[in-house]
Amino acid sequence: MKQTDIAIIGGGPGGLAAAQYGARAGRDVLIIEKLAAGGQTMLIDRIENYPGFDEAITGFELADKMQRQAENFGAKLLYDELVSIKKDDKYFEVNLKSETVQAKTVIIATGAKHRVLDIDGEATYSGKGVSYCGTCDGPFFRNKTIYVIGGGDTALTDALYLSKLSDDVTLVHRRDRFRAQDNLVRQISASKIKTMMNFKPVSIKGDGTKVTAIELESTVDGQHVTKPTSAVFIFAGMLPQTEMLDKELLDKTGYVMTNDRMETKMPGLFAIGDVRNTPFRQVVTAAADGAVAAHIASEYIDEIEGNAYASH
C-alpha cells in the first residue's frame, strides 16, 4: 500500500497549487488524476486574467507550467480513479480502481462537469453537432451556423471564441439579461454575435448523423421557432463531482461544504476549487484554495503527529 502525507484527488489548477505548496513545505504529496493534469483548464483557449501574465495564455500552457512546478518541488502524479475514501482513527484509506493509498490528509479537488439540458435530441447528437466545449469542437464548425445556449461566463466566453471561427453565431438565453461578468456582456454587444433573449431550447433535430436544427420556445409567450444550425454548444452550468463522498459533507446542491480554511466536517479532509460551495469559480480562486488547503493540511499533520509547534 502506498503511503503519503497529502493525497490530492484531482489535478486541476487547485490540485496542482495544493501539490506545489504541500511539497514545498516538505510533505510527501501524491496527486491522483483520472484523465489529464489541468482539468477543465485544458479546455480553455485563452486565459487573459490570471495574475502574472501580461499577455493571454492558453489553458494547456498554464496547466503544463503548474504541473511542472509542482513536480519540481517533489509532488508525484498517479493516474487512477477514486472509488471511495474511508478514515480510521488517524489516517485515510483512499481506494482507487487499481490500488489503495494510505494518507494522513486528503484534499478533494475533483471539480465539476457540464450539466446537460435533457431535451430531445441532445443525447442522440452529442458528438455529432451537440457539444459542451467550444475550444474542443469549435474548429469542426468553421464557417457554419452555430447556436450557443447559456447566459453565464462560460457561455459568453465560448461564444466569443466561436465567433472567430464563424460569422453566424447566435447566443440564446432564457432570461432578458445575461448573468455573466459585465466585461463579457460588453464584448458580446460589440461583436457580430446575434442574441435571442427570453428563449430556451426544447429539442435538437438532425438527419440521423448530424445536427440540422434547433427548436426554441419563448419564455414570454410560449411561441416555438425552429432554426437551422450545424452545431449547438450547451453551457447550462456545472455538476460537482462528489458522488464518491459522504452526503453529510455536501450542501443541498451537491457541493462540498467547507470553511475558509478549506476544511470539511471530517477532520483532515479538505475540499478546494469548483467542487466546494464557493461563490466564485475561477482558475485563480481554485489555486488560492489549493494553497490554503495545503498549508492547513500541513498544520493538521503536525497536530496528529504531536508536532504542533513544528515550523514549516
C-alpha atoms as a PDB file:
ATOM      1  CA  MET A   1       0.000   0.000   0.000  1.00  0.00           C
ATOM      2  CA  LYS A   2       1.344   3.415  -0.994  1.00  0.00           C
ATOM      3  CA  GLN A   3       1.659   5.914   1.850  1.00  0.00           C
ATOM      4  CA  THR A   4       1.682   9.693   1.589  1.00  0.00           C
ATOM      5  CA  ASP A   5       1.243  12.765   3.736  1.00  0.00           C
ATOM      6  CA  ILE A   6      -1.221  14.523   1.436  1.00  0.00           C
ATOM      7  CA  ALA A   7      -3.342  12.778  -1.190  1.00  0.00           C
ATOM      8  CA  ILE A   8      -4.882  15.216  -3.656  1.00  0.00           C
ATOM      9  CA  ILE A   9      -7.830  13.884  -5.636  1.00  0.00           C
ATOM     10  CA  GLY A  10      -7.848  15.805  -8.918  1.00  0.00           C
ATOM     11  CA  GLY A  11      -5.086  17.501 -10.883  1.00  0.00           C
ATOM     12  CA  GLY A  12      -6.727  20.757 -11.940  1.00  0.00           C
ATOM     13  CA  PRO A  13      -5.378  24.207 -11.004  1.00  0.00           C
ATOM     14  CA  GLY A  14      -6.492  23.834  -7.391  1.00  0.00           C
ATOM     15  CA  GLY A  15      -4.977  20.382  -7.017  1.00  0.00           C
ATOM     16  CA  LEU A  16      -1.717  21.432  -8.677  1.00  0.00           C
ATOM     17  CA  ALA A  17      -1.429  24.541  -6.492  1.00  0.00           C
ATOM     18  CA  ALA A  18      -2.064  22.435  -3.386  1.00  0.00           C
ATOM     19  CA  ALA A  19       0.582  19.967  -4.555  1.00  0.00           C
ATOM     20  CA  GLN A  20       3.112  22.739  -5.056  1.00  0.00           C
ATOM     21  CA  TYR A  21       2.533  24.281  -1.619  1.00  0.00           C
ATOM     22  CA  GLY A  22       2.395  20.930   0.133  1.00  0.00           C
ATOM     23  CA  ALA A  23       5.578  19.608  -1.468  1.00  0.00           C
ATOM     24  CA  ARG A  24       7.369  22.913  -0.911  1.00  0.00           C
ATOM     25  CA  ALA A  25       6.544  22.585   2.806  1.00  0.00           C
ATOM     26  CA  GLY A  26       8.397  19.274   2.834  1.00  0.00           C
ATOM     27  CA  ARG A  27       5.382  16.964   2.707  1.00  0.00           C
ATOM     28  CA  ASP A  28       5.056  13.812   0.619  1.00  0.00           C
ATOM     29  CA  VAL A  29       2.359  14.732  -1.893  1.00  0.00           C
ATOM     30  CA  LEU A  30       0.518  12.427  -4.293  1.00  0.00           C
ATOM     31  CA  ILE A  31      -1.824  13.842  -6.947  1.00  0.00           C
ATOM     32  CA  ILE A  32      -4.399  11.319  -8.135  1.00  0.00           C
ATOM     33  CA  GLU A  33      -5.849  12.257 -11.532  1.00  0.00           C
ATOM     34  CA  LYS A  34      -8.285  10.237 -13.647  1.00  0.00           C
ATOM     35  CA  LEU A  35      -7.631  11.801 -17.073  1.00  0.00           C
ATOM     36  CA  ALA A  36      -5.065  14.562 -17.541  1.00  0.00           C
ATOM     37  CA  ALA A  37      -3.468  17.089 -15.226  1.00  0.00           C
ATOM     38  CA  GLY A  38      -5.003  20.517 -15.751  1.00  0.00           C
ATOM     39  CA  GLY A  39      -8.673  19.573 -15.540  1.00  0.00           C
ATOM     40  CA  GLN A  40     -11.131  21.983 -17.153  1.00  0.00           C
ATOM     41  CA  THR A  41      -8.283  24.438 -17.708  1.00  0.00           C
ATOM     42  CA  MET A  42      -7.071  22.257 -20.569  1.00  0.00           C
ATOM     43  CA  LEU A  43     -10.232  23.199 -22.487  1.00  0.00           C
ATOM     44  CA  ILE A  44      -9.780  26.974 -22.223  1.00  0.00           C
ATOM     45  CA  ASP A  45      -8.459  28.562 -25.393  1.00  0.00           C
ATOM     46  CA  ARG A  46      -7.450  31.898 -23.876  1.00  0.00           C
ATOM     47  CA  ILE A  47      -6.834  32.968 -20.268  1.00  0.00           C
ATOM     48  CA  GLU A  48      -6.271  36.692 -20.013  1.00  0.00           C
ATOM     49  CA  ASN A  49      -6.942  37.398 -16.345  1.00  0.00           C
ATOM     50  CA  TYR A  50      -4.569  35.088 -14.466  1.00  0.00           C
ATOM     51  CA  PRO A  51      -2.193  37.225 -12.371  1.00  0.00           C
ATOM     52  CA  GLY A  52       1.366  37.497 -13.610  1.00  0.00           C
ATOM     53  CA  PHE A  53       0.738  37.130 -17.343  1.00  0.00           C
ATOM     54  CA  ASP A  54       0.609  40.416 -19.225  1.00  0.00           C
ATOM     55  CA  GLU A  55      -0.421  38.523 -22.356  1.00  0.00           C
ATOM     56  CA  ALA A  56      -3.090  35.856 -22.708  1.00  0.00           C
ATOM     57  CA  ILE A  57      -2.023  32.252 -22.151  1.00  0.00           C
ATOM     58  CA  THR A  58      -3.797  29.065 -23.207  1.00  0.00           C
ATOM     59  CA  GLY A  59      -5.241  26.759 -20.581  1.00  0.00           C
ATOM     60  CA  PHE A  60      -2.928  23.994 -21.752  1.00  0.00           C
ATOM     61  CA  GLU A  61       0.156  26.183 -21.282  1.00  0.00           C
ATOM     62  CA  LEU A  62      -0.888  27.296 -17.809  1.00  0.00           C
ATOM     63  CA  ALA A  63      -1.720  23.743 -16.707  1.00  0.00           C
ATOM     64  CA  ASP A  64       1.611  22.471 -18.041  1.00  0.00           C
ATOM     65  CA  LYS A  65       3.528  25.151 -16.131  1.00  0.00           C
ATOM     66  CA  MET A  66       1.623  24.394 -12.924  1.00  0.00           C
ATOM     67  CA  GLN A  67       2.222  20.651 -13.251  1.00  0.00           C
ATOM     68  CA  ARG A  68       5.945  21.043 -13.876  1.00  0.00           C
ATOM     69  CA  GLN A  69       6.236  23.463 -10.960  1.00  0.00           C
ATOM     70  CA  ALA A  70       4.517  21.023  -8.580  1.00  0.00           C
ATOM     71  CA  GLU A  71       6.673  18.118  -9.754  1.00  0.00           C
ATOM     72  CA  ASN A  72       9.830  20.218  -9.442  1.00  0.00           C
ATOM     73  CA  PHE A  73       9.025  20.653  -5.751  1.00  0.00           C
ATOM     74  CA  GLY A  74       8.673  16.883  -5.408  1.00  0.00           C
ATOM     75  CA  ALA A  75       4.954  16.159  -5.871  1.00  0.00           C
ATOM     76  CA  LYS A  76       4.145  12.859  -7.604  1.00  0.00           C
ATOM     77  CA  LEU A  77       1.353  12.256 -10.107  1.00  0.00           C
ATOM     78  CA  LEU A  78      -0.630   8.999 -10.261  1.00  0.00           C
ATOM     79  CA  TYR A  79      -3.191   8.325 -12.988  1.00  0.00           C
ATOM     80  CA  ASP A  80      -6.037   6.379 -11.425  1.00  0.00           C
ATOM     81  CA  GLU A  81      -9.697   6.780 -10.463  1.00  0.00           C
ATOM     82  CA  LEU A  82     -11.104   7.275  -6.982  1.00  0.00           C
ATOM     83  CA  VAL A  83     -13.606   4.685  -5.752  1.00  0.00           C
ATOM     84  CA  SER A  84     -14.043   5.651  -2.097  1.00  0.00           C
ATOM     85  CA  ILE A  85     -12.433   7.333   0.893  1.00  0.00           C
ATOM     86  CA  LYS A  86     -12.512   5.870   4.404  1.00  0.00           C
ATOM     87  CA  LYS A  87     -10.959   7.101   7.625  1.00  0.00           C
ATOM     88  CA  ASP A  88      -9.868   5.166  10.684  1.00  0.00           C
ATOM     89  CA  ASP A  89      -8.900   6.803  13.982  1.00  0.00           C
ATOM     90  CA  LYS A  90      -5.958   8.589  12.410  1.00  0.00           C
ATOM     91  CA  TYR A  91      -5.382   8.036   8.687  1.00  0.00           C
ATOM     92  CA  PHE A  92      -7.340   7.891   5.447  1.00  0.00           C
ATOM     93  CA  GLU A  93      -7.720   4.889   3.179  1.00  0.00           C
ATOM     94  CA  VAL A  94      -8.026   6.150  -0.397  1.00  0.00           C
ATOM     95  CA  ASN A  95      -9.390   3.306  -2.512  1.00  0.00           C
ATOM     96  CA  LEU A  96      -8.578   3.595  -6.206  1.00  0.00           C
ATOM     97  CA  LYS A  97      -9.514   1.331  -9.099  1.00  0.00           C
ATOM     98  CA  SER A  98      -6.067  -0.266  -9.221  1.00  0.00           C
ATOM     99  CA  GLU A  99      -4.712   0.136  -5.690  1.00  0.00           C
ATOM    100  CA  THR A 100      -5.164   1.641  -2.221  1.00  0.00           C
ATOM    101  CA  VAL A 101      -3.297   4.639  -0.807  1.00  0.00           C
ATOM    102  CA  GLN A 102      -2.929   5.476   2.890  1.00  0.00           C
ATOM    103  CA  ALA A 103      -2.839   9.225   3.510  1.00  0.00           C
ATOM    104  CA  LYS A 104      -2.574  11.441   6.558  1.00  0.00           C
ATOM    105  CA  THR A 105      -4.746  14.075   4.877  1.00  0.00           C
ATOM    106  CA  VAL A 106      -6.872  14.223   1.726  1.00  0.00           C
ATOM    107  CA  ILE A 107      -7.684  17.229  -0.451  1.00  0.00           C
ATOM    108  CA  ILE A 108     -10.706  16.825  -2.736  1.00  0.00           C
ATOM    109  CA  ALA A 109     -10.156  18.727  -5.986  1.00  0.00           C
ATOM    110  CA  THR A 110     -12.410  16.742  -8.329  1.00  0.00           C
ATOM    111  CA  GLY A 111     -14.060  19.790  -9.892  1.00  0.00           C
ATOM    112  CA  ALA A 112     -17.367  19.767 -11.732  1.00  0.00           C
ATOM    113  CA  LYS A 113     -18.682  18.580 -15.095  1.00  0.00           C
ATOM    114  CA  HIS A 114     -21.051  20.144 -17.594  1.00  0.00           C
ATOM    115  CA  ARG A 115     -24.770  19.953 -16.884  1.00  0.00           C
ATOM    116  CA  VAL A 116     -26.964  18.573 -19.672  1.00  0.00           C
ATOM    117  CA  LEU A 117     -30.336  20.053 -20.673  1.00  0.00           C
ATOM    118  CA  ASP A 118     -32.007  16.631 -21.020  1.00  0.00           C
ATOM    119  CA  ILE A 119     -34.009  17.698 -24.077  1.00  0.00           C
ATOM    120  CA  ASP A 120     -34.988  15.638 -27.132  1.00  0.00           C
ATOM    121  CA  GLY A 121     -32.075  15.052 -29.464  1.00  0.00           C
ATOM    122  CA  GLU A 122     -29.373  16.207 -27.039  1.00  0.00           C
ATOM    123  CA  ALA A 123     -28.011  12.756 -26.215  1.00  0.00           C
ATOM    124  CA  THR A 124     -28.642  11.445 -29.730  1.00  0.00           C
ATOM    125  CA  TYR A 125     -26.488  14.128 -31.338  1.00  0.00           C
ATOM    126  CA  SER A 126     -23.859  14.517 -28.628  1.00  0.00           C
ATOM    127  CA  GLY A 127     -20.583  14.493 -30.527  1.00  0.00           C
ATOM    128  CA  LYS A 128     -22.481  14.937 -33.794  1.00  0.00           C
ATOM    129  CA  GLY A 129     -23.111  18.661 -33.507  1.00  0.00           C
ATOM    130  CA  VAL A 130     -24.019  18.909 -29.820  1.00  0.00           C
ATOM    131  CA  SER A 131     -21.042  19.951 -27.715  1.00  0.00           C
ATOM    132  CA  TYR A 132     -20.198  21.316 -24.266  1.00  0.00           C
ATOM    133  CA  CYS A 133     -16.783  22.751 -25.153  1.00  0.00           C
ATOM    134  CA  GLY A 134     -16.243  25.469 -27.740  1.00  0.00           C
ATOM    135  CA  THR A 135     -12.468  25.183 -27.883  1.00  0.00           C
ATOM    136  CA  CYS A 136     -12.648  21.394 -28.225  1.00  0.00           C
ATOM    137  CA  ASP A 137     -15.191  21.173 -31.036  1.00  0.00           C
ATOM    138  CA  GLY A 138     -15.492  24.678 -32.479  1.00  0.00           C
ATOM    139  CA  PRO A 139     -12.955  24.109 -35.282  1.00  0.00           C
ATOM    140  CA  PHE A 140     -15.200  21.364 -36.689  1.00  0.00           C
ATOM    141  CA  PHE A 141     -17.830  24.018 -37.439  1.00  0.00           C
ATOM    142  CA  ARG A 142     -15.726  26.694 -39.052  1.00  0.00           C
ATOM    143  CA  ASN A 143     -17.913  28.947 -41.242  1.00  0.00           C
ATOM    144  CA  LYS A 144     -21.040  27.024 -40.178  1.00  0.00           C
ATOM    145  CA  THR A 145     -24.179  28.184 -38.363  1.00  0.00           C
ATOM    146  CA  ILE A 146     -23.699  27.818 -34.607  1.00  0.00           C
ATOM    147  CA  TYR A 147     -26.109  28.238 -31.671  1.00  0.00           C
ATOM    148  CA  VAL A 148     -24.776  28.738 -28.150  1.00  0.00           C
ATOM    149  CA  ILE A 149     -27.073  28.081 -25.166  1.00  0.00           C
ATOM    150  CA  GLY A 150     -26.481  29.858 -21.844  1.00  0.00           C
ATOM    151  CA  GLY A 151     -26.027  33.215 -20.161  1.00  0.00           C
ATOM    152  CA  GLY A 152     -23.068  32.811 -17.828  1.00  0.00           C
ATOM    153  CA  ASP A 153     -19.350  33.467 -18.145  1.00  0.00           C
ATOM    154  CA  THR A 154     -18.589  30.201 -19.926  1.00  0.00           C
ATOM    155  CA  ALA A 155     -21.356  30.610 -22.494  1.00  0.00           C
ATOM    156  CA  LEU A 156     -20.277  34.131 -23.416  1.00  0.00           C
ATOM    157  CA  THR A 157     -16.575  33.293 -23.418  1.00  0.00           C
ATOM    158  CA  ASP A 158     -17.085  30.344 -25.734  1.00  0.00           C
ATOM    159  CA  ALA A 159     -19.470  32.314 -27.959  1.00  0.00           C
ATOM    160  CA  LEU A 160     -16.733  34.914 -28.426  1.00  0.00           C
ATOM    161  CA  TYR A 161     -14.254  32.174 -29.284  1.00  0.00           C
ATOM    162  CA  LEU A 162     -16.668  30.575 -31.768  1.00  0.00           C
ATOM    163  CA  SER A 163     -17.271  33.955 -33.420  1.00  0.00           C
ATOM    164  CA  LYS A 164     -13.628  33.807 -34.539  1.00  0.00           C
ATOM    165  CA  LEU A 165     -14.461  30.661 -36.477  1.00  0.00           C
ATOM    166  CA  SER A 166     -17.836  31.641 -37.910  1.00  0.00           C
ATOM    167  CA  ASP A 167     -19.736  34.818 -38.768  1.00  0.00           C
ATOM    168  CA  ASP A 168     -23.027  33.070 -37.934  1.00  0.00           C
ATOM    169  CA  VAL A 169     -23.124  32.587 -34.160  1.00  0.00           C
ATOM    170  CA  THR A 170     -26.317  33.067 -32.132  1.00  0.00           C
ATOM    171  CA  LEU A 171     -26.375  33.209 -28.338  1.00  0.00           C
ATOM    172  CA  VAL A 172     -29.627  32.009 -26.732  1.00  0.00           C
ATOM    173  CA  HIS A 173     -30.581  32.815 -23.131  1.00  0.00           C
ATOM    174  CA  ARG A 174     -33.797  32.046 -21.266  1.00  0.00           C
ATOM    175  CA  ARG A 175     -33.843  35.395 -19.435  1.00  0.00           C
ATOM    176  CA  ASP A 176     -33.847  39.041 -20.549  1.00  0.00           C
ATOM    177  CA  ARG A 177     -30.290  39.701 -19.376  1.00  0.00           C
ATOM    178  CA  PHE A 178     -27.061  37.742 -19.108  1.00  0.00           C
ATOM    179  CA  ARG A 179     -25.685  36.741 -15.711  1.00  0.00           C
ATOM    180  CA  ALA A 180     -22.071  36.898 -16.926  1.00  0.00           C
ATOM    181  CA  GLN A 181     -19.464  39.490 -15.949  1.00  0.00           C
ATOM    182  CA  ASP A 182     -20.087  42.964 -17.357  1.00  0.00           C
ATOM    183  CA  ASN A 183     -16.885  42.891 -19.371  1.00  0.00           C
ATOM    184  CA  LEU A 184     -18.058  39.798 -21.250  1.00  0.00           C
ATOM    185  CA  VAL A 185     -21.501  41.285 -21.851  1.00  0.00           C
ATOM    186  CA  ARG A 186     -19.898  44.373 -23.344  1.00  0.00           C
ATOM    187  CA  GLN A 187     -17.738  42.228 -25.610  1.00  0.00           C
ATOM    188  CA  ILE A 188     -20.818  40.358 -26.831  1.00  0.00           C
ATOM    189  CA  SER A 189     -22.628  43.658 -27.519  1.00  0.00           C
ATOM    190  CA  ALA A 190     -19.662  44.912 -29.541  1.00  0.00           C
ATOM    191  CA  SER A 191     -19.294  41.674 -31.504  1.00  0.00           C
ATOM    192  CA  LYS A 192     -21.056  40.247 -34.549  1.00  0.00           C
ATOM    193  CA  ILE A 193     -22.774  37.628 -32.380  1.00  0.00           C
ATOM    194  CA  LYS A 194     -26.582  37.594 -32.616  1.00  0.00           C
ATOM    195  CA  THR A 195     -28.637  37.138 -29.445  1.00  0.00           C
ATOM    196  CA  MET A 196     -32.027  35.576 -28.720  1.00  0.00           C
ATOM    197  CA  MET A 197     -33.124  36.602 -25.252  1.00  0.00           C
ATOM    198  CA  ASN A 198     -36.115  35.044 -23.446  1.00  0.00           C
ATOM    199  CA  PHE A 199     -35.835  31.797 -25.411  1.00  0.00           C
ATOM    200  CA  LYS A 200     -34.978  28.262 -24.272  1.00  0.00           C
ATOM    201  CA  PRO A 201     -34.184  25.130 -26.306  1.00  0.00           C
ATOM    202  CA  VAL A 202     -36.776  22.358 -26.326  1.00  0.00           C
ATOM    203  CA  SER A 203     -35.325  19.944 -28.887  1.00  0.00           C
ATOM    204  CA  ILE A 204     -32.394  19.385 -31.193  1.00  0.00           C
ATOM    205  CA  LYS A 205     -33.117  17.925 -34.598  1.00  0.00           C
ATOM    206  CA  GLY A 206     -30.942  16.079 -37.076  1.00  0.00           C
ATOM    207  CA  ASP A 207     -30.808  13.736 -40.038  1.00  0.00           C
ATOM    208  CA  GLY A 208     -29.557  10.757 -38.074  1.00  0.00           C
ATOM    209  CA  THR A 209     -25.861  11.575 -38.459  1.00  0.00           C
ATOM    210  CA  LYS A 210     -25.603  15.275 -37.645  1.00  0.00           C
ATOM    211  CA  VAL A 211     -27.481  18.249 -36.190  1.00  0.00           C
ATOM    212  CA  THR A 212     -29.636  20.166 -38.675  1.00  0.00           C
ATOM    213  CA  ALA A 213     -31.837  22.414 -36.499  1.00  0.00           C
ATOM    214  CA  ILE A 214     -32.765  23.574 -33.022  1.00  0.00           C
ATOM    215  CA  GLU A 215     -36.295  24.169 -31.737  1.00  0.00           C
ATOM    216  CA  LEU A 216     -36.660  27.068 -29.294  1.00  0.00           C
ATOM    217  CA  GLU A 217     -39.539  28.208 -27.092  1.00  0.00           C
ATOM    218  CA  SER A 218     -40.207  31.759 -25.948  1.00  0.00           C
ATOM    219  CA  THR A 219     -40.191  32.058 -22.159  1.00  0.00           C
ATOM    220  CA  VAL A 220     -42.526  35.058 -22.553  1.00  0.00           C
ATOM    221  CA  ASP A 221     -45.404  33.787 -24.700  1.00  0.00           C
ATOM    222  CA  GLY A 222     -44.574  30.127 -25.379  1.00  0.00           C
ATOM    223  CA  GLN A 223     -44.045  30.634 -29.101  1.00  0.00           C
ATOM    224  CA  HIS A 224     -41.974  27.917 -30.805  1.00  0.00           C
ATOM    225  CA  VAL A 225     -39.457  28.583 -33.564  1.00  0.00           C
ATOM    226  CA  THR A 226     -37.154  26.178 -35.386  1.00  0.00           C
ATOM    227  CA  LYS A 227     -33.807  27.454 -36.622  1.00  0.00           C
ATOM    228  CA  PRO A 228     -31.432  25.623 -38.971  1.00  0.00           C
ATOM    229  CA  THR A 229     -27.987  25.048 -37.485  1.00  0.00           C
ATOM    230  CA  SER A 230     -24.966  22.783 -37.769  1.00  0.00           C
ATOM    231  CA  ALA A 231     -23.988  22.907 -34.108  1.00  0.00           C
ATOM    232  CA  VAL A 232     -25.441  23.514 -30.649  1.00  0.00           C
ATOM    233  CA  PHE A 233     -22.999  24.378 -27.855  1.00  0.00           C
ATOM    234  CA  ILE A 234     -24.585  23.982 -24.420  1.00  0.00           C
ATOM    235  CA  PHE A 235     -23.412  25.799 -21.281  1.00  0.00           C
ATOM    236  CA  ALA A 236     -26.069  25.180 -18.636  1.00  0.00           C
ATOM    237  CA  GLY A 237     -23.923  25.133 -15.540  1.00  0.00           C
ATOM    238  CA  MET A 238     -21.850  22.535 -13.771  1.00  0.00           C
ATOM    239  CA  LEU A 239     -22.388  19.452 -11.617  1.00  0.00           C
ATOM    240  CA  PRO A 240     -19.895  18.886  -8.782  1.00  0.00           C
ATOM    241  CA  GLN A 241     -18.049  15.566  -8.870  1.00  0.00           C
ATOM    242  CA  THR A 242     -18.935  14.413  -5.380  1.00  0.00           C
ATOM    243  CA  GLU A 243     -20.674  11.071  -5.904  1.00  0.00           C
ATOM    244  CA  MET A 244     -17.875   9.249  -4.045  1.00  0.00           C
ATOM    245  CA  LEU A 245     -18.281  11.352  -0.889  1.00  0.00           C
ATOM    246  CA  ASP A 246     -20.494  11.016   2.161  1.00  0.00           C
ATOM    247  CA  LYS A 247     -23.685  13.035   1.663  1.00  0.00           C
ATOM    248  CA  GLU A 248     -23.204  14.616   5.094  1.00  0.00           C
ATOM    249  CA  LEU A 249     -20.272  16.544   3.644  1.00  0.00           C
ATOM    250  CA  LEU A 250     -22.408  18.142   0.918  1.00  0.00           C
ATOM    251  CA  ASP A 251     -24.868  21.009   0.686  1.00  0.00           C
ATOM    252  CA  LYS A 252     -28.298  20.640  -0.950  1.00  0.00           C
ATOM    253  CA  THR A 253     -26.868  21.301  -4.416  1.00  0.00           C
ATOM    254  CA  GLY A 254     -24.183  18.643  -4.076  1.00  0.00           C
ATOM    255  CA  TYR A 255     -21.161  20.865  -3.442  1.00  0.00           C
ATOM    256  CA  VAL A 256     -18.765  20.131  -0.579  1.00  0.00           C
ATOM    257  CA  MET A 257     -19.244  22.410   2.415  1.00  0.00           C
ATOM    258  CA  THR A 258     -16.061  23.975   3.779  1.00  0.00           C
ATOM    259  CA  ASN A 259     -14.977  26.822   5.991  1.00  0.00           C
ATOM    260  CA  ASP A 260     -12.466  29.466   4.888  1.00  0.00           C
ATOM    261  CA  ARG A 261      -9.643  27.082   5.822  1.00  0.00           C
ATOM    262  CA  MET A 262     -10.982  24.613   3.204  1.00  0.00           C
ATOM    263  CA  GLU A 263     -11.826  22.155   5.998  1.00  0.00           C
ATOM    264  CA  THR A 264     -14.847  19.860   5.675  1.00  0.00           C
ATOM    265  CA  LYS A 265     -16.817  18.356   8.550  1.00  0.00           C
ATOM    266  CA  MET A 266     -14.345  15.455   8.597  1.00  0.00           C
ATOM    267  CA  PRO A 267     -11.017  16.367  10.258  1.00  0.00           C
ATOM    268  CA  GLY A 268      -8.150  16.030   7.816  1.00  0.00           C
ATOM    269  CA  LEU A 269     -10.386  16.125   4.750  1.00  0.00           C
ATOM    270  CA  PHE A 270     -10.306  19.309   2.668  1.00  0.00           C
ATOM    271  CA  ALA A 271     -12.087  20.481  -0.497  1.00  0.00           C
ATOM    272  CA  ILE A 272     -10.989  23.124  -2.991  1.00  0.00           C
ATOM    273  CA  GLY A 273     -11.946  24.712  -6.291  1.00  0.00           C
ATOM    274  CA  ASP A 274     -15.116  24.049  -8.262  1.00  0.00           C
ATOM    275  CA  VAL A 275     -16.175  21.102  -6.112  1.00  0.00           C
ATOM    276  CA  ARG A 276     -16.756  23.201  -2.982  1.00  0.00           C
ATOM    277  CA  ASN A 277     -19.541  25.665  -2.155  1.00  0.00           C
ATOM    278  CA  THR A 278     -17.665  28.757  -3.257  1.00  0.00           C
ATOM    279  CA  PRO A 279     -19.274  31.975  -4.573  1.00  0.00           C
ATOM    280  CA  PHE A 280     -16.784  32.341  -7.455  1.00  0.00           C
ATOM    281  CA  ARG A 281     -15.294  29.619  -9.665  1.00  0.00           C
ATOM    282  CA  GLN A 282     -12.163  30.737 -11.498  1.00  0.00           C
ATOM    283  CA  VAL A 283      -8.661  29.358 -12.059  1.00  0.00           C
ATOM    284  CA  VAL A 284      -7.198  31.933  -9.694  1.00  0.00           C
ATOM    285  CA  THR A 285      -9.635  31.136  -6.858  1.00  0.00           C
ATOM    286  CA  ALA A 286      -9.046  27.397  -7.255  1.00  0.00           C
ATOM    287  CA  ALA A 287      -5.300  27.986  -6.992  1.00  0.00           C
ATOM    288  CA  ALA A 288      -5.797  30.119  -3.880  1.00  0.00           C
ATOM    289  CA  ASP A 289      -7.980  27.399  -2.334  1.00  0.00           C
ATOM    290  CA  GLY A 290      -5.221  24.885  -3.008  1.00  0.00           C
ATOM    291  CA  ALA A 291      -2.574  26.992  -1.297  1.00  0.00           C
ATOM    292  CA  VAL A 292      -4.754  27.441   1.787  1.00  0.00           C
ATOM    293  CA  ALA A 293      -5.697  23.747   1.964  1.00  0.00           C
ATOM    294  CA  ALA A 294      -2.087  22.580   1.670  1.00  0.00           C
ATOM    295  CA  HIS A 295      -0.991  24.956   4.435  1.00  0.00           C
ATOM    296  CA  ILE A 296      -3.766  23.883   6.808  1.00  0.00           C
ATOM    297  CA  ALA A 297      -3.245  20.211   5.891  1.00  0.00           C
ATOM    298  CA  SER A 298       0.413  20.535   6.873  1.00  0.00           C
ATOM    299  CA  GLU A 299      -0.590  22.049  10.221  1.00  0.00           C
ATOM    300  CA  TYR A 300      -3.082  19.191  10.713  1.00  0.00           C
ATOM    301  CA  ILE A 301      -0.338  16.609  10.137  1.00  0.00           C
ATOM    302  CA  ASP A 302       1.810  18.291  12.789  1.00  0.00           C
ATOM    303  CA  GLU A 303      -1.104  18.110  15.224  1.00  0.00           C
ATOM    304  CA  ILE A 304      -1.904  14.418  14.727  1.00  0.00           C
ATOM    305  CA  GLU A 305       1.775  13.521  14.948  1.00  0.00           C
ATOM    306  CA  GLY A 306       2.335  15.564  18.100  1.00  0.00           C
ATOM    307  CA  ASN A 307       4.418  18.249  16.418  1.00  0.00           C
ATOM    308  CA  ALA A 308       2.079  21.155  16.927  1.00  0.00           C
ATOM    309  CA  TYR A 309       4.950  23.608  17.301  1.00  0.00           C
ATOM    310  CA  ALA A 310       6.984  22.445  14.334  1.00  0.00           C
ATOM    311  CA  SER A 311       7.958  25.125  11.854  1.00  0.00           C
ATOM    312  CA  HIS A 312       7.212  24.792   8.154  1.00  0.00           C
END
